[in-house]
Amino acid sequence: MKHQYERTELISAYLDGELHDADERAFVEHLLATDSVFQREVELLGALRTNIRNRTEQLKIAVP
């Protein structure tokens, strides 16, 4: 379970542009190039984050 948590944290940091360590960035780029499951996880987490942001903005507008 810890491994999956670390993967999710790594993806989150990648999507936020917070991977400042060159080795971590290289590791993520390698996984993106070679691991279809990792690619899908990045895609899904990115889409989820976008949907949450969009929904949050819609809710802000709807509140009087």
N, C-alpha and C. Protein backbone atom coordinates (compact mmCIF):
# COMPACT_ATOMS: atom_id res chain seq x y z
N MET A 1 0.82 -1.20 0.00
CA MET A 1 0.00 0.00 0.00
C MET A 1 0.86 1.26 0.00
N LYS A 2 1.93 1.23 0.75
CA LYS A 2 2.81 2.40 0.81
C LYS A 2 3.35 2.74 -0.58
N HIS A 3 3.67 1.71 -1.36
CA HIS A 3 4.21 1.94 -2.69
C HIS A 3 3.22 2.72 -3.56
N GLN A 4 1.94 2.36 -3.51
CA GLN A 4 0.93 3.06 -4.31
C GLN A 4 0.79 4.49 -3.84
N TYR A 5 0.85 4.72 -2.53
CA TYR A 5 0.77 6.08 -1.99
C TYR A 5 1.94 6.91 -2.53
N GLU A 6 3.12 6.33 -2.53
CA GLU A 6 4.29 7.04 -3.03
C GLU A 6 4.14 7.34 -4.52
N ARG A 7 3.59 6.42 -5.29
CA ARG A 7 3.36 6.66 -6.72
C ARG A 7 2.40 7.82 -6.92
N THR A 8 1.33 7.83 -6.13
CA THR A 8 0.34 8.90 -6.24
C THR A 8 0.96 10.24 -5.87
N GLU A 9 1.75 10.27 -4.83
CA GLU A 9 2.44 11.50 -4.43
C GLU A 9 3.40 11.98 -5.51
N LEU A 10 4.09 11.05 -6.12
CA LEU A 10 5.02 11.37 -7.19
C LEU A 10 4.27 11.96 -8.39
N ILE A 11 3.16 11.35 -8.75
CA ILE A 11 2.34 11.86 -9.86
C ILE A 11 1.82 13.26 -9.52
N SER A 12 1.33 13.42 -8.31
CA SER A 12 0.80 14.72 -7.89
C SER A 12 1.88 15.80 -7.98
N ALA A 13 3.05 15.50 -7.49
CA ALA A 13 4.16 16.46 -7.55
C ALA A 13 4.52 16.76 -9.01
N TYR A 14 4.49 15.76 -9.84
CA TYR A 14 4.78 15.94 -11.27
C TYR A 14 3.75 16.87 -11.92
N LEU A 15 2.49 16.61 -11.65
CA LEU A 15 1.43 17.42 -12.25
C LEU A 15 1.47 18.86 -11.74
N ASP A 16 1.91 19.05 -10.50
CA ASP A 16 2.01 20.39 -9.91
C ASP A 16 3.30 21.10 -10.30
N GLY A 17 4.19 20.42 -11.02
CA GLY A 17 5.47 21.02 -11.37
C GLY A 17 6.39 21.16 -10.17
N GLU A 18 6.23 20.29 -9.20
CA GLU A 18 7.00 20.36 -7.96
C GLU A 18 8.12 19.33 -7.86
N LEU A 19 8.45 18.67 -8.95
CA LEU A 19 9.58 17.75 -8.93
C LEU A 19 10.84 18.54 -9.28
N HIS A 20 11.53 18.98 -8.26
CA HIS A 20 12.71 19.80 -8.47
C HIS A 20 13.98 18.97 -8.59
N ASP A 21 13.91 17.73 -8.13
CA ASP A 21 15.06 16.83 -8.21
C ASP A 21 15.14 16.22 -9.61
N ALA A 22 16.27 16.38 -10.26
CA ALA A 22 16.44 15.88 -11.64
C ALA A 22 16.25 14.37 -11.72
N ASP A 23 16.68 13.66 -10.71
CA ASP A 23 16.52 12.20 -10.71
C ASP A 23 15.05 11.80 -10.65
N GLU A 24 14.26 12.50 -9.83
CA GLU A 24 12.84 12.21 -9.75
C GLU A 24 12.14 12.51 -11.08
N ARG A 25 12.46 13.66 -11.68
CA ARG A 25 11.87 14.00 -12.97
C ARG A 25 12.23 12.96 -14.02
N ALA A 26 13.49 12.54 -14.04
CA ALA A 26 13.94 11.53 -15.01
C ALA A 26 13.21 10.22 -14.78
N PHE A 27 13.00 9.86 -13.51
CA PHE A 27 12.29 8.63 -13.18
C PHE A 27 10.85 8.69 -13.70
N VAL A 28 10.17 9.81 -13.47
CA VAL A 28 8.78 9.96 -13.94
C VAL A 28 8.75 9.94 -15.46
N GLU A 29 9.65 10.63 -16.10
CA GLU A 29 9.68 10.64 -17.56
C GLU A 29 9.94 9.25 -18.12
N HIS A 30 10.80 8.49 -17.45
CA HIS A 30 11.05 7.11 -17.87
C HIS A 30 9.77 6.27 -17.74
N LEU A 31 9.09 6.41 -16.61
CA LEU A 31 7.85 5.66 -16.42
C LEU A 31 6.80 6.07 -17.45
N LEU A 32 6.70 7.35 -17.73
CA LEU A 32 5.73 7.81 -18.73
C LEU A 32 6.03 7.23 -20.11
N ALA A 33 7.31 7.03 -20.40
CA ALA A 33 7.72 6.51 -21.71
C ALA A 33 7.59 4.99 -21.81
N THR A 34 7.59 4.32 -20.66
CA THR A 34 7.69 2.85 -20.72
C THR A 34 6.58 2.09 -20.01
N ASP A 35 5.79 2.75 -19.17
CA ASP A 35 4.82 2.04 -18.33
C ASP A 35 3.41 2.54 -18.64
N SER A 36 2.65 1.74 -19.36
CA SER A 36 1.30 2.17 -19.76
C SER A 36 0.37 2.34 -18.56
N VAL A 37 0.56 1.57 -17.51
CA VAL A 37 -0.26 1.72 -16.31
C VAL A 37 0.04 3.07 -15.65
N PHE A 38 1.30 3.41 -15.55
CA PHE A 38 1.69 4.70 -14.98
C PHE A 38 1.14 5.84 -15.83
N GLN A 39 1.24 5.70 -17.15
CA GLN A 39 0.70 6.72 -18.05
C GLN A 39 -0.78 6.95 -17.78
N ARG A 40 -1.51 5.87 -17.63
CA ARG A 40 -2.95 5.95 -17.37
C ARG A 40 -3.23 6.59 -16.02
N GLU A 41 -2.43 6.24 -15.01
CA GLU A 41 -2.60 6.85 -13.68
C GLU A 41 -2.41 8.36 -13.76
N VAL A 42 -1.39 8.81 -14.48
CA VAL A 42 -1.14 10.24 -14.63
C VAL A 42 -2.31 10.89 -15.35
N GLU A 43 -2.78 10.25 -16.40
CA GLU A 43 -3.90 10.78 -17.17
C GLU A 43 -5.15 10.90 -16.30
N LEU A 44 -5.46 9.85 -15.55
CA LEU A 44 -6.66 9.86 -14.72
C LEU A 44 -6.57 10.87 -13.58
N LEU A 45 -5.43 10.92 -12.91
CA LEU A 45 -5.27 11.87 -11.81
C LEU A 45 -5.32 13.30 -12.34
N GLY A 46 -4.72 13.54 -13.48
CA GLY A 46 -4.78 14.87 -14.08
C GLY A 46 -6.20 15.26 -14.43
N ALA A 47 -6.96 14.34 -15.00
CA ALA A 47 -8.35 14.61 -15.35
C ALA A 47 -9.20 14.85 -14.10
N LEU A 48 -8.96 14.06 -13.07
CA LEU A 48 -9.69 14.23 -11.81
C LEU A 48 -9.42 15.61 -11.22
N ARG A 49 -8.17 16.02 -11.20
CA ARG A 49 -7.81 17.32 -10.66
C ARG A 49 -8.47 18.44 -11.47
N THR A 50 -8.48 18.31 -12.79
CA THR A 50 -9.12 19.31 -13.64
C THR A 50 -10.61 19.39 -13.37
N ASN A 51 -11.26 18.24 -13.25
CA ASN A 51 -12.69 18.21 -12.96
C ASN A 51 -13.02 18.83 -11.61
N ILE A 52 -12.20 18.57 -10.61
CA ILE A 52 -12.43 19.16 -9.29
C ILE A 52 -12.27 20.67 -9.35
N ARG A 53 -11.23 21.15 -10.03
CA ARG A 53 -11.04 22.60 -10.16
C ARG A 53 -12.22 23.24 -10.88
N ASN A 54 -12.66 22.62 -11.98
CA ASN A 54 -13.78 23.17 -12.73
C ASN A 54 -15.05 23.19 -11.90
N ARG A 55 -15.29 22.12 -11.18
CA ARG A 55 -16.49 22.04 -10.33
C ARG A 55 -16.42 23.07 -9.21
N THR A 56 -15.26 23.26 -8.64
CA THR A 56 -15.08 24.26 -7.60
C THR A 56 -15.42 25.64 -8.12
N GLU A 57 -14.96 25.94 -9.33
CA GLU A 57 -15.26 27.23 -9.94
C GLU A 57 -16.75 27.38 -10.19
N GLN A 58 -17.42 26.32 -10.63
CA GLN A 58 -18.86 26.37 -10.86
C GLN A 58 -19.60 26.63 -9.55
N LEU A 59 -19.15 26.01 -8.48
CA LEU A 59 -19.80 26.19 -7.19
C LEU A 59 -19.61 27.62 -6.67
N LYS A 60 -18.45 28.20 -6.91
CA LYS A 60 -18.21 29.58 -6.48
C LYS A 60 -19.18 30.53 -7.17
N ILE A 61 -19.43 30.27 -8.43
CA ILE A 61 -20.33 31.14 -9.20
C ILE A 61 -21.77 30.95 -8.73
N ALA A 62 -22.15 29.74 -8.38
CA ALA A 62 -23.54 29.44 -8.03
C ALA A 62 -23.93 29.97 -6.66
N VAL A 63 -22.99 30.24 -5.79
CA VAL A 63 -23.30 30.69 -4.43
C VAL A 63 -23.55 32.20 -4.46
N PRO A 64 -24.73 32.61 -3.99
CA PRO A 64 -25.04 34.06 -4.00
C PRO A 64 -24.25 34.84 -2.96
